[in-house]
Amino acid sequence: MSQSRHVPVMLQRCLELLAPALERPGAVVVDCTLGLGGHSEALLTRFPEARLIGLDRDKEALRLSGERLAPFGERATLVHAVYDELPEVLDRLRVPRVRGVLFDLGVSSMQLDEADRGFAYAQDAPLDMRMDQTTGISAAEVLNTYPPGELVRILRAYGEEKQAKRIVSAIVREREKEPFDNSARLVELIRDALPQAAKRTGGNPAKRTFQALRIEVNGELSVLERAIPAAVKALDVGGRVAVLSYHSLEDRLVKQVFAAGAASTAPPGLPVVPERYQPRLKLLTRGAELPTEEEIAENRRAAPARLRGAERIREDAE
């Protein structure tokens, strides 16, 4: 598995957003989604005085990024953890506050490229999709055991799949004959289940279903709901957070947390807003920033990316 294929998304823009917070000596930055270490390597190179804590739930990713970041020695501390465990990790490492936090919520290219992980719909593989293969249920178990209504809910909510009912009735019919265990059979079934018009739009027709299964298997949205507020709370005043998300559900969650932090909580009509009601965050991006057309041409995985950044400007009200 060559690391040259792994191109970090919107790398320069992420570094720019975090730079004002990381230029002071001894700054600690957390890469909450280490993956193959592309963003981390760039952070350690660009900010030679900074220390990095990298989290990943995937042991194989930790091993590979550990090799890549070995030249930085003790400046990089890598931890096997899901990113909503950030407060516990910082506690354990005795790091009270950090200057920067980066999330790249895309599936790591390693997971997409390793055929036997079952993330990609372009090649046949066991339907696993667990980012941490030591725990939890696989995508096959979700398909084979969830009640139809629950499957419809997942495809609609996490995949934004308009044809969810049609796909699920085909899944239920097929799983009674034989349980699902590989991705090719599922892709074929989705193709057959969709009306002609639906097949003509938006790339591979299985894409939305695979996304939905991946989010369900890894509990991604509930993890994110806990992780973004925890990251904001871990920031020092003047610290910054940057989040790359890849579909509207993730982006909406990030937007809500940032917007709430950047809003005054004062009751309306106060002539002077007391300190405790003042916003805690300053937004660093106008809405969500998108990758450039040049970047998308070079790295098609960047296409759906949305980047938001925020700076911590005040302590929490006591």
C-alpha atoms as a PDB file:
ATOM      1  CA  MET A   1       0.000   0.000   0.000  1.00  0.00           C
ATOM      2  CA  SER A   2       1.849   3.090  -1.148  1.00  0.00           C
ATOM      3  CA  GLN A   3       1.366   6.285   0.777  1.00  0.00           C
ATOM      4  CA  SER A   4       1.889   8.401  -2.320  1.00  0.00           C
ATOM      5  CA  ARG A   5      -1.744   7.731  -3.243  1.00  0.00           C
ATOM      6  CA  HIS A   6      -2.913   9.368  -0.018  1.00  0.00           C
ATOM      7  CA  VAL A   7      -3.387  13.042  -0.805  1.00  0.00           C
ATOM      8  CA  PRO A   8      -4.703  15.036   2.176  1.00  0.00           C
ATOM      9  CA  VAL A   9      -7.780  17.089   1.244  1.00  0.00           C
ATOM     10  CA  MET A  10      -7.625  20.938   1.357  1.00  0.00           C
ATOM     11  CA  LEU A  11      -4.278  20.644   3.109  1.00  0.00           C
ATOM     12  CA  GLN A  12      -2.934  24.184   2.569  1.00  0.00           C
ATOM     13  CA  ARG A  13      -6.209  25.779   3.634  1.00  0.00           C
ATOM     14  CA  CYS A  14      -6.325  23.653   6.835  1.00  0.00           C
ATOM     15  CA  LEU A  15      -2.755  24.719   7.669  1.00  0.00           C
ATOM     16  CA  GLU A  16      -3.619  28.383   7.027  1.00  0.00           C
ATOM     17  CA  LEU A  17      -6.660  28.241   9.283  1.00  0.00           C
ATOM     18  CA  LEU A  18      -4.736  26.657  12.147  1.00  0.00           C
ATOM     19  CA  ALA A  19      -1.472  28.633  11.702  1.00  0.00           C
ATOM     20  CA  PRO A  20      -2.169  31.636  13.970  1.00  0.00           C
ATOM     21  CA  ALA A  21      -2.833  29.260  16.873  1.00  0.00           C
ATOM     22  CA  LEU A  22       0.112  26.916  16.258  1.00  0.00           C
ATOM     23  CA  GLU A  23       2.995  29.275  15.700  1.00  0.00           C
ATOM     24  CA  ARG A  24       3.828  29.663  19.381  1.00  0.00           C
ATOM     25  CA  PRO A  25       6.394  27.250  20.902  1.00  0.00           C
ATOM     26  CA  GLY A  26       5.001  24.200  22.665  1.00  0.00           C
ATOM     27  CA  ALA A  27       1.565  24.435  21.001  1.00  0.00           C
ATOM     28  CA  VAL A  28      -0.316  21.118  21.075  1.00  0.00           C
ATOM     29  CA  VAL A  29      -2.456  20.184  18.070  1.00  0.00           C
ATOM     30  CA  VAL A  30      -4.763  17.181  17.890  1.00  0.00           C
ATOM     31  CA  ASP A  31      -5.415  15.347  14.628  1.00  0.00           C
ATOM     32  CA  CYS A  32      -8.635  13.577  15.566  1.00  0.00           C
ATOM     33  CA  THR A  33      -8.706  11.490  12.381  1.00  0.00           C
ATOM     34  CA  LEU A  34      -5.120  10.466  11.826  1.00  0.00           C
ATOM     35  CA  GLY A  35      -5.682   8.083   8.899  1.00  0.00           C
ATOM     36  CA  LEU A  36      -2.397   7.702   7.047  1.00  0.00           C
ATOM     37  CA  GLY A  37      -0.944  10.781   8.723  1.00  0.00           C
ATOM     38  CA  GLY A  38      -0.901  13.141   5.714  1.00  0.00           C
ATOM     39  CA  HIS A  39      -2.353  16.132   7.572  1.00  0.00           C
ATOM     40  CA  SER A  40      -0.279  15.294  10.678  1.00  0.00           C
ATOM     41  CA  GLU A  41       2.979  15.112   8.754  1.00  0.00           C
ATOM     42  CA  ALA A  42       2.251  18.528   7.220  1.00  0.00           C
ATOM     43  CA  LEU A  43       1.358  20.039  10.622  1.00  0.00           C
ATOM     44  CA  LEU A  44       4.577  18.767  12.250  1.00  0.00           C
ATOM     45  CA  THR A  45       6.653  19.999   9.299  1.00  0.00           C
ATOM     46  CA  ARG A  46       5.011  23.434   9.047  1.00  0.00           C
ATOM     47  CA  PHE A  47       5.028  24.121  12.821  1.00  0.00           C
ATOM     48  CA  PRO A  48       8.411  22.841  14.065  1.00  0.00           C
ATOM     49  CA  GLU A  49       7.732  23.920  17.667  1.00  0.00           C
ATOM     50  CA  ALA A  50       4.360  22.131  17.869  1.00  0.00           C
ATOM     51  CA  ARG A  51       3.524  18.776  19.429  1.00  0.00           C
ATOM     52  CA  LEU A  52       0.902  16.525  17.889  1.00  0.00           C
ATOM     53  CA  ILE A  53      -1.560  14.046  19.359  1.00  0.00           C
ATOM     54  CA  GLY A  54      -3.057  11.773  16.687  1.00  0.00           C
ATOM     55  CA  LEU A  55      -6.174   9.648  17.235  1.00  0.00           C
ATOM     56  CA  ASP A  56      -7.521   6.812  15.122  1.00  0.00           C
ATOM     57  CA  ARG A  57      -9.825   3.897  15.821  1.00  0.00           C
ATOM     58  CA  ASP A  58      -8.214   1.848  13.058  1.00  0.00           C
ATOM     59  CA  LYS A  59      -5.142  -0.067  14.263  1.00  0.00           C
ATOM     60  CA  GLU A  60      -3.795  -0.566  10.769  1.00  0.00           C
ATOM     61  CA  ALA A  61      -3.962   3.200  10.135  1.00  0.00           C
ATOM     62  CA  LEU A  62      -2.080   3.805  13.403  1.00  0.00           C
ATOM     63  CA  ARG A  63       0.639   1.376  12.390  1.00  0.00           C
ATOM     64  CA  LEU A  64       1.138   2.949   8.956  1.00  0.00           C
ATOM     65  CA  SER A  65       0.976   6.548  10.173  1.00  0.00           C
ATOM     66  CA  GLY A  66       3.377   5.600  13.000  1.00  0.00           C
ATOM     67  CA  GLU A  67       5.951   4.633  10.365  1.00  0.00           C
ATOM     68  CA  ARG A  68       5.341   7.841   8.458  1.00  0.00           C
ATOM     69  CA  LEU A  69       5.627  10.067  11.552  1.00  0.00           C
ATOM     70  CA  ALA A  70       8.568   8.196  13.132  1.00  0.00           C
ATOM     71  CA  PRO A  71      11.085  10.886  11.995  1.00  0.00           C
ATOM     72  CA  PHE A  72       9.330  13.401  14.292  1.00  0.00           C
ATOM     73  CA  GLY A  73      10.132  11.270  17.356  1.00  0.00           C
ATOM     74  CA  GLU A  74       8.501  12.377  20.580  1.00  0.00           C
ATOM     75  CA  ARG A  75       6.729  15.323  18.958  1.00  0.00           C
ATOM     76  CA  ALA A  76       4.028  12.881  17.796  1.00  0.00           C
ATOM     77  CA  THR A  77       1.924  10.842  20.237  1.00  0.00           C
ATOM     78  CA  LEU A  78      -0.436   8.372  18.527  1.00  0.00           C
ATOM     79  CA  VAL A  79      -3.429   6.925  20.378  1.00  0.00           C
ATOM     80  CA  HIS A  80      -5.919   4.157  19.499  1.00  0.00           C
ATOM     81  CA  ALA A  81      -9.198   5.957  20.211  1.00  0.00           C
ATOM     82  CA  VAL A  82     -12.411   7.181  18.605  1.00  0.00           C
ATOM     83  CA  TYR A  83     -12.439  10.972  18.349  1.00  0.00           C
ATOM     84  CA  ASP A  84     -15.263  11.472  20.852  1.00  0.00           C
ATOM     85  CA  GLU A  85     -12.826  10.061  23.431  1.00  0.00           C
ATOM     86  CA  LEU A  86     -10.738  13.235  23.099  1.00  0.00           C
ATOM     87  CA  PRO A  87     -11.392  14.467  26.691  1.00  0.00           C
ATOM     88  CA  GLU A  88     -10.269  11.111  28.172  1.00  0.00           C
ATOM     89  CA  VAL A  89      -7.175  10.995  25.943  1.00  0.00           C
ATOM     90  CA  LEU A  90      -6.122  14.543  26.935  1.00  0.00           C
ATOM     91  CA  ASP A  91      -6.774  13.717  30.568  1.00  0.00           C
ATOM     92  CA  ARG A  92      -4.603  10.596  30.367  1.00  0.00           C
ATOM     93  CA  LEU A  93      -1.791  12.520  28.668  1.00  0.00           C
ATOM     94  CA  ARG A  94      -2.157  15.338  31.236  1.00  0.00           C
ATOM     95  CA  VAL A  95      -2.774  17.946  28.547  1.00  0.00           C
ATOM     96  CA  PRO A  96      -5.325  20.402  29.972  1.00  0.00           C
ATOM     97  CA  ARG A  97      -5.807  22.554  26.844  1.00  0.00           C
ATOM     98  CA  VAL A  98      -4.758  22.438  23.194  1.00  0.00           C
ATOM     99  CA  ARG A  99      -4.087  25.123  20.579  1.00  0.00           C
ATOM    100  CA  GLY A 100      -5.492  23.341  17.547  1.00  0.00           C
ATOM    101  CA  VAL A 101      -7.841  20.502  16.565  1.00  0.00           C
ATOM    102  CA  LEU A 102      -8.304  19.065  13.081  1.00  0.00           C
ATOM    103  CA  PHE A 103     -11.017  16.648  11.927  1.00  0.00           C
ATOM    104  CA  ASP A 104     -11.013  15.084   8.451  1.00  0.00           C
ATOM    105  CA  LEU A 105     -14.229  13.081   8.462  1.00  0.00           C
ATOM    106  CA  GLY A 106     -13.710  11.280   5.159  1.00  0.00           C
ATOM    107  CA  VAL A 107     -13.124   7.543   5.123  1.00  0.00           C
ATOM    108  CA  SER A 108      -9.381   7.175   4.943  1.00  0.00           C
ATOM    109  CA  SER A 109      -8.108   6.315   1.491  1.00  0.00           C
ATOM    110  CA  MET A 110      -6.473   3.272   3.033  1.00  0.00           C
ATOM    111  CA  GLN A 111      -9.850   1.884   4.041  1.00  0.00           C
ATOM    112  CA  LEU A 112     -11.226   2.531   0.579  1.00  0.00           C
ATOM    113  CA  ASP A 113      -8.195   1.022  -1.104  1.00  0.00           C
ATOM    114  CA  GLU A 114      -7.936  -2.159   0.979  1.00  0.00           C
ATOM    115  CA  ALA A 115     -10.279  -4.464  -0.880  1.00  0.00           C
ATOM    116  CA  ASP A 116     -11.105  -6.713   2.056  1.00  0.00           C
ATOM    117  CA  ARG A 117     -12.585  -3.943   4.198  1.00  0.00           C
ATOM    118  CA  GLY A 118     -15.829  -3.683   2.196  1.00  0.00           C
ATOM    119  CA  PHE A 119     -16.105   0.135   2.115  1.00  0.00           C
ATOM    120  CA  ALA A 120     -15.935   0.518  -1.644  1.00  0.00           C
ATOM    121  CA  TYR A 121     -18.773  -0.366  -3.981  1.00  0.00           C
ATOM    122  CA  ALA A 122     -16.446  -0.457  -6.986  1.00  0.00           C
ATOM    123  CA  GLN A 123     -14.985  -3.861  -6.082  1.00  0.00           C
ATOM    124  CA  ASP A 124     -16.329  -7.015  -4.512  1.00  0.00           C
ATOM    125  CA  ALA A 125     -15.408  -7.489  -0.848  1.00  0.00           C
ATOM    126  CA  PRO A 126     -16.835  -8.830   2.417  1.00  0.00           C
ATOM    127  CA  LEU A 127     -19.433  -6.399   3.768  1.00  0.00           C
ATOM    128  CA  ASP A 128     -17.559  -5.298   6.880  1.00  0.00           C
ATOM    129  CA  MET A 129     -17.079  -1.478   6.932  1.00  0.00           C
ATOM    130  CA  ARG A 130     -15.919  -1.325  10.557  1.00  0.00           C
ATOM    131  CA  MET A 131     -13.159   1.251  10.989  1.00  0.00           C
ATOM    132  CA  ASP A 132     -12.048  -0.576  14.114  1.00  0.00           C
ATOM    133  CA  GLN A 133     -12.191  -4.227  13.154  1.00  0.00           C
ATOM    134  CA  THR A 134     -11.791  -5.380  16.757  1.00  0.00           C
ATOM    135  CA  THR A 135     -15.251  -4.259  17.828  1.00  0.00           C
ATOM    136  CA  GLY A 136     -18.887  -3.710  16.827  1.00  0.00           C
ATOM    137  CA  ILE A 137     -21.167  -5.169  14.169  1.00  0.00           C
ATOM    138  CA  SER A 138     -20.410  -5.399  10.461  1.00  0.00           C
ATOM    139  CA  ALA A 139     -22.424  -4.003   7.553  1.00  0.00           C
ATOM    140  CA  ALA A 140     -23.501  -7.557   6.672  1.00  0.00           C
ATOM    141  CA  GLU A 141     -25.042  -7.970  10.143  1.00  0.00           C
ATOM    142  CA  VAL A 142     -26.920  -4.672   9.748  1.00  0.00           C
ATOM    143  CA  LEU A 143     -28.307  -5.786   6.367  1.00  0.00           C
ATOM    144  CA  ASN A 144     -29.215  -9.271   7.540  1.00  0.00           C
ATOM    145  CA  THR A 145     -30.734  -8.508  10.943  1.00  0.00           C
ATOM    146  CA  TYR A 146     -32.200  -4.989  11.116  1.00  0.00           C
ATOM    147  CA  PRO A 147     -35.999  -4.695  10.795  1.00  0.00           C
ATOM    148  CA  PRO A 148     -37.092  -3.243   7.436  1.00  0.00           C
ATOM    149  CA  GLY A 149     -38.364   0.012   8.973  1.00  0.00           C
ATOM    150  CA  GLU A 150     -34.998   0.625  10.631  1.00  0.00           C
ATOM    151  CA  LEU A 151     -33.132  -0.025   7.363  1.00  0.00           C
ATOM    152  CA  VAL A 152     -35.385   2.452   5.544  1.00  0.00           C
ATOM    153  CA  ARG A 153     -34.713   5.056   8.260  1.00  0.00           C
ATOM    154  CA  ILE A 154     -30.929   4.558   7.974  1.00  0.00           C
ATOM    155  CA  LEU A 155     -30.868   4.810   4.160  1.00  0.00           C
ATOM    156  CA  ARG A 156     -33.014   7.945   4.249  1.00  0.00           C
ATOM    157  CA  ALA A 157     -31.297   9.691   7.150  1.00  0.00           C
ATOM    158  CA  TYR A 158     -27.668   8.765   6.500  1.00  0.00           C
ATOM    159  CA  GLY A 159     -27.654   8.178   2.753  1.00  0.00           C
ATOM    160  CA  GLU A 160     -30.326  10.701   1.761  1.00  0.00           C
ATOM    161  CA  GLU A 161     -31.581   7.898  -0.487  1.00  0.00           C
ATOM    162  CA  LYS A 162     -34.979   8.748  -2.003  1.00  0.00           C
ATOM    163  CA  GLN A 163     -35.528   5.150  -3.142  1.00  0.00           C
ATOM    164  CA  ALA A 164     -34.929   3.688   0.344  1.00  0.00           C
ATOM    165  CA  LYS A 165     -38.210   1.751   0.503  1.00  0.00           C
ATOM    166  CA  ARG A 166     -37.643   0.116  -2.860  1.00  0.00           C
ATOM    167  CA  ILE A 167     -34.062  -0.878  -2.011  1.00  0.00           C
ATOM    168  CA  VAL A 168     -35.018  -2.220   1.431  1.00  0.00           C
ATOM    169  CA  SER A 169     -37.862  -4.376   0.142  1.00  0.00           C
ATOM    170  CA  ALA A 170     -35.392  -5.932  -2.326  1.00  0.00           C
ATOM    171  CA  ILE A 171     -32.863  -6.473   0.505  1.00  0.00           C
ATOM    172  CA  VAL A 172     -35.461  -8.114   2.748  1.00  0.00           C
ATOM    173  CA  ARG A 173     -36.658 -10.384  -0.065  1.00  0.00           C
ATOM    174  CA  GLU A 174     -33.086 -11.433  -0.912  1.00  0.00           C
ATOM    175  CA  ARG A 175     -31.813 -11.924   2.634  1.00  0.00           C
ATOM    176  CA  GLU A 176     -34.568 -14.461   3.284  1.00  0.00           C
ATOM    177  CA  LYS A 177     -33.166 -16.602   0.474  1.00  0.00           C
ATOM    178  CA  GLU A 178     -29.553 -16.149   1.554  1.00  0.00           C
ATOM    179  CA  PRO A 179     -27.867 -13.720   3.973  1.00  0.00           C
ATOM    180  CA  PHE A 180     -25.660 -10.969   2.508  1.00  0.00           C
ATOM    181  CA  ASP A 181     -21.918 -11.317   2.905  1.00  0.00           C
ATOM    182  CA  ASN A 182     -20.299  -9.487  -0.014  1.00  0.00           C
ATOM    183  CA  SER A 183     -20.582  -6.073  -1.614  1.00  0.00           C
ATOM    184  CA  ALA A 184     -21.047  -7.104  -5.279  1.00  0.00           C
ATOM    185  CA  ARG A 185     -24.381  -8.791  -4.593  1.00  0.00           C
ATOM    186  CA  LEU A 186     -25.645  -5.684  -2.800  1.00  0.00           C
ATOM    187  CA  VAL A 187     -24.510  -3.356  -5.617  1.00  0.00           C
ATOM    188  CA  GLU A 188     -26.272  -5.537  -8.185  1.00  0.00           C
ATOM    189  CA  LEU A 189     -29.455  -5.661  -6.121  1.00  0.00           C
ATOM    190  CA  ILE A 190     -29.513  -1.849  -5.786  1.00  0.00           C
ATOM    191  CA  ARG A 191     -29.007  -1.456  -9.545  1.00  0.00           C
ATOM    192  CA  ASP A 192     -31.914  -3.800 -10.228  1.00  0.00           C
ATOM    193  CA  ALA A 193     -34.178  -2.171  -7.635  1.00  0.00           C
ATOM    194  CA  LEU A 194     -33.862   1.405  -8.867  1.00  0.00           C
ATOM    195  CA  PRO A 195     -36.090   2.917 -11.558  1.00  0.00           C
ATOM    196  CA  GLN A 196     -34.259   3.919 -14.754  1.00  0.00           C
ATOM    197  CA  ALA A 197     -34.422   7.662 -14.029  1.00  0.00           C
ATOM    198  CA  ALA A 198     -32.736   7.265 -10.637  1.00  0.00           C
ATOM    199  CA  LYS A 199     -29.819   5.400 -12.210  1.00  0.00           C
ATOM    200  CA  ARG A 200     -28.961   8.286 -14.483  1.00  0.00           C
ATOM    201  CA  THR A 201     -28.083  10.741 -11.703  1.00  0.00           C
ATOM    202  CA  GLY A 202     -25.222  11.135  -9.263  1.00  0.00           C
ATOM    203  CA  GLY A 203     -22.642   8.454  -9.997  1.00  0.00           C
ATOM    204  CA  ASN A 204     -22.812   4.873  -8.757  1.00  0.00           C
ATOM    205  CA  PRO A 205     -26.380   4.086  -7.631  1.00  0.00           C
ATOM    206  CA  ALA A 206     -25.028   2.130  -4.630  1.00  0.00           C
ATOM    207  CA  LYS A 207     -23.070   5.092  -3.278  1.00  0.00           C
ATOM    208  CA  ARG A 208     -25.790   6.439  -0.946  1.00  0.00           C
ATOM    209  CA  THR A 209     -26.608   3.017   0.518  1.00  0.00           C
ATOM    210  CA  PHE A 210     -22.928   2.299   1.215  1.00  0.00           C
ATOM    211  CA  GLN A 211     -22.532   5.692   2.884  1.00  0.00           C
ATOM    212  CA  ALA A 212     -25.570   5.026   5.069  1.00  0.00           C
ATOM    213  CA  LEU A 213     -24.307   1.588   6.140  1.00  0.00           C
ATOM    214  CA  ARG A 214     -20.858   2.973   6.932  1.00  0.00           C
ATOM    215  CA  ILE A 215     -22.302   5.732   9.137  1.00  0.00           C
ATOM    216  CA  GLU A 216     -24.529   3.223  10.962  1.00  0.00           C
ATOM    217  CA  VAL A 217     -21.800   0.602  11.471  1.00  0.00           C
ATOM    218  CA  ASN A 218     -19.368   3.148  12.913  1.00  0.00           C
ATOM    219  CA  GLY A 219     -21.894   5.283  14.795  1.00  0.00           C
ATOM    220  CA  GLU A 220     -20.338   8.232  13.007  1.00  0.00           C
ATOM    221  CA  LEU A 221     -22.966  10.901  13.581  1.00  0.00           C
ATOM    222  CA  SER A 222     -23.484  10.182  17.273  1.00  0.00           C
ATOM    223  CA  VAL A 223     -19.689  10.147  17.723  1.00  0.00           C
ATOM    224  CA  LEU A 224     -19.443  13.484  15.898  1.00  0.00           C
ATOM    225  CA  GLU A 225     -22.237  15.011  17.994  1.00  0.00           C
ATOM    226  CA  ARG A 226     -20.114  14.388  21.082  1.00  0.00           C
ATOM    227  CA  ALA A 227     -16.730  15.083  19.496  1.00  0.00           C
ATOM    228  CA  ILE A 228     -17.162  18.599  18.072  1.00  0.00           C
ATOM    229  CA  PRO A 229     -18.343  20.215  21.355  1.00  0.00           C
ATOM    230  CA  ALA A 230     -15.592  18.294  23.207  1.00  0.00           C
ATOM    231  CA  ALA A 231     -12.978  19.676  20.789  1.00  0.00           C
ATOM    232  CA  VAL A 232     -14.238  23.250  21.260  1.00  0.00           C
ATOM    233  CA  LYS A 233     -14.123  22.779  25.037  1.00  0.00           C
ATOM    234  CA  ALA A 234     -10.511  21.500  24.868  1.00  0.00           C
ATOM    235  CA  LEU A 235      -9.321  24.649  23.049  1.00  0.00           C
ATOM    236  CA  ASP A 236      -7.324  27.316  24.788  1.00  0.00           C
ATOM    237  CA  VAL A 237      -8.485  30.895  24.197  1.00  0.00           C
ATOM    238  CA  GLY A 238      -6.916  31.737  20.817  1.00  0.00           C
ATOM    239  CA  GLY A 239      -7.002  28.045  19.860  1.00  0.00           C
ATOM    240  CA  ARG A 240      -8.567  26.994  16.566  1.00  0.00           C
ATOM    241  CA  VAL A 241     -10.536  24.043  15.209  1.00  0.00           C
ATOM    242  CA  ALA A 242     -10.872  23.025  11.533  1.00  0.00           C
ATOM    243  CA  VAL A 243     -13.356  20.391  10.331  1.00  0.00           C
ATOM    244  CA  LEU A 244     -13.526  18.758   6.893  1.00  0.00           C
ATOM    245  CA  SER A 245     -16.841  16.995   6.327  1.00  0.00           C
ATOM    246  CA  TYR A 246     -18.043  15.125   3.272  1.00  0.00           C
ATOM    247  CA  HIS A 247     -21.817  15.087   3.379  1.00  0.00           C
ATOM    248  CA  SER A 248     -24.578  17.440   4.430  1.00  0.00           C
ATOM    249  CA  LEU A 249     -25.432  15.591   7.659  1.00  0.00           C
ATOM    250  CA  GLU A 250     -21.908  15.970   9.057  1.00  0.00           C
ATOM    251  CA  ASP A 251     -21.610  19.542   7.819  1.00  0.00           C
ATOM    252  CA  ARG A 252     -24.944  20.484   9.413  1.00  0.00           C
ATOM    253  CA  LEU A 253     -23.809  19.144  12.798  1.00  0.00           C
ATOM    254  CA  VAL A 254     -20.554  21.106  12.645  1.00  0.00           C
ATOM    255  CA  LYS A 255     -22.388  24.238  11.514  1.00  0.00           C
ATOM    256  CA  GLN A 256     -24.838  23.993  14.439  1.00  0.00           C
ATOM    257  CA  VAL A 257     -22.100  23.620  17.080  1.00  0.00           C
ATOM    258  CA  PHE A 258     -20.054  26.483  15.633  1.00  0.00           C
ATOM    259  CA  ALA A 259     -23.097  28.750  15.201  1.00  0.00           C
ATOM    260  CA  ALA A 260     -24.210  28.154  18.799  1.00  0.00           C
ATOM    261  CA  GLY A 261     -20.700  28.977  20.058  1.00  0.00           C
ATOM    262  CA  ALA A 262     -20.530  32.145  17.954  1.00  0.00           C
ATOM    263  CA  ALA A 263     -23.913  33.472  19.108  1.00  0.00           C
ATOM    264  CA  SER A 264     -24.607  35.679  22.107  1.00  0.00           C
ATOM    265  CA  THR A 265     -26.776  33.902  24.693  1.00  0.00           C
ATOM    266  CA  ALA A 266     -28.049  37.148  26.218  1.00  0.00           C
ATOM    267  CA  PRO A 267     -31.784  37.698  26.693  1.00  0.00           C
ATOM    268  CA  PRO A 268     -32.999  40.190  24.057  1.00  0.00           C
ATOM    269  CA  GLY A 269     -33.094  43.891  24.924  1.00  0.00           C
ATOM    270  CA  LEU A 270     -30.069  44.169  27.226  1.00  0.00           C
ATOM    271  CA  PRO A 271     -28.351  47.533  26.606  1.00  0.00           C
ATOM    272  CA  VAL A 272     -24.948  46.054  27.526  1.00  0.00           C
ATOM    273  CA  VAL A 273     -24.234  42.328  27.100  1.00  0.00           C
ATOM    274  CA  PRO A 274     -22.485  40.927  30.200  1.00  0.00           C
ATOM    275  CA  GLU A 275     -19.344  38.842  29.686  1.00  0.00           C
ATOM    276  CA  ARG A 276     -21.070  35.565  30.515  1.00  0.00           C
ATOM    277  CA  TYR A 277     -23.424  35.911  27.527  1.00  0.00           C
ATOM    278  CA  GLN A 278     -20.752  36.869  25.004  1.00  0.00           C
ATOM    279  CA  PRO A 279     -19.968  34.458  22.144  1.00  0.00           C
ATOM    280  CA  ARG A 280     -17.278  31.835  22.871  1.00  0.00           C
ATOM    281  CA  LEU A 281     -16.288  31.299  19.247  1.00  0.00           C
ATOM    282  CA  LYS A 282     -15.426  33.387  16.225  1.00  0.00           C
ATOM    283  CA  LEU A 283     -16.195  31.769  12.848  1.00  0.00           C
ATOM    284  CA  LEU A 284     -13.170  31.669  10.529  1.00  0.00           C
ATOM    285  CA  THR A 285     -14.971  30.589   7.358  1.00  0.00           C
ATOM    286  CA  ARG A 286     -17.962  32.188   5.674  1.00  0.00           C
ATOM    287  CA  GLY A 287     -20.286  29.228   5.517  1.00  0.00           C
ATOM    288  CA  ALA A 288     -18.426  26.123   4.400  1.00  0.00           C
ATOM    289  CA  GLU A 289     -15.412  26.501   2.103  1.00  0.00           C
ATOM    290  CA  LEU A 290     -15.104  24.170  -0.893  1.00  0.00           C
ATOM    291  CA  PRO A 291     -12.019  22.719  -2.567  1.00  0.00           C
ATOM    292  CA  THR A 292     -10.804  24.441  -5.728  1.00  0.00           C
ATOM    293  CA  GLU A 293     -11.531  22.987  -9.150  1.00  0.00           C
ATOM    294  CA  GLU A 294      -7.788  22.327  -9.548  1.00  0.00           C
ATOM    295  CA  GLU A 295      -7.713  20.259  -6.379  1.00  0.00           C
ATOM    296  CA  ILE A 296     -10.774  18.248  -7.411  1.00  0.00           C
ATOM    297  CA  ALA A 297      -9.130  17.577 -10.787  1.00  0.00           C
ATOM    298  CA  GLU A 298      -6.039  16.216  -8.995  1.00  0.00           C
ATOM    299  CA  ASN A 299      -7.833  14.357  -6.200  1.00  0.00           C
ATOM    300  CA  ARG A 300     -11.399  13.306  -6.912  1.00  0.00           C
ATOM    301  CA  ARG A 301     -11.898  12.384  -3.236  1.00  0.00           C
ATOM    302  CA  ALA A 302     -11.820  16.096  -2.424  1.00  0.00           C
ATOM    303  CA  ALA A 303     -14.970  16.800  -4.470  1.00  0.00           C
ATOM    304  CA  PRO A 304     -17.587  16.594  -1.692  1.00  0.00           C
ATOM    305  CA  ALA A 305     -15.393  18.223   1.008  1.00  0.00           C
ATOM    306  CA  ARG A 306     -16.711  21.142   3.081  1.00  0.00           C
ATOM    307  CA  LEU A 307     -14.345  22.987   5.432  1.00  0.00           C
ATOM    308  CA  ARG A 308     -15.365  25.047   8.472  1.00  0.00           C
ATOM    309  CA  GLY A 309     -13.119  26.701  11.033  1.00  0.00           C
ATOM    310  CA  ALA A 310     -13.628  28.497  14.346  1.00  0.00           C
ATOM    311  CA  GLU A 311     -11.459  30.224  16.955  1.00  0.00           C
ATOM    312  CA  ARG A 312     -12.009  30.102  20.704  1.00  0.00           C
ATOM    313  CA  ILE A 313     -12.223  33.762  21.853  1.00  0.00           C
ATOM    314  CA  ARG A 314     -13.484  33.388  25.436  1.00  0.00           C
ATOM    315  CA  GLU A 315     -13.597  30.977  28.337  1.00  0.00           C
ATOM    316  CA  ASP A 316     -16.920  29.285  29.073  1.00  0.00           C
ATOM    317  CA  ALA A 317     -19.166  31.150  31.467  1.00  0.00           C
ATOM    318  CA  GLU A 318     -18.800  29.717  34.937  1.00  0.00           C
END
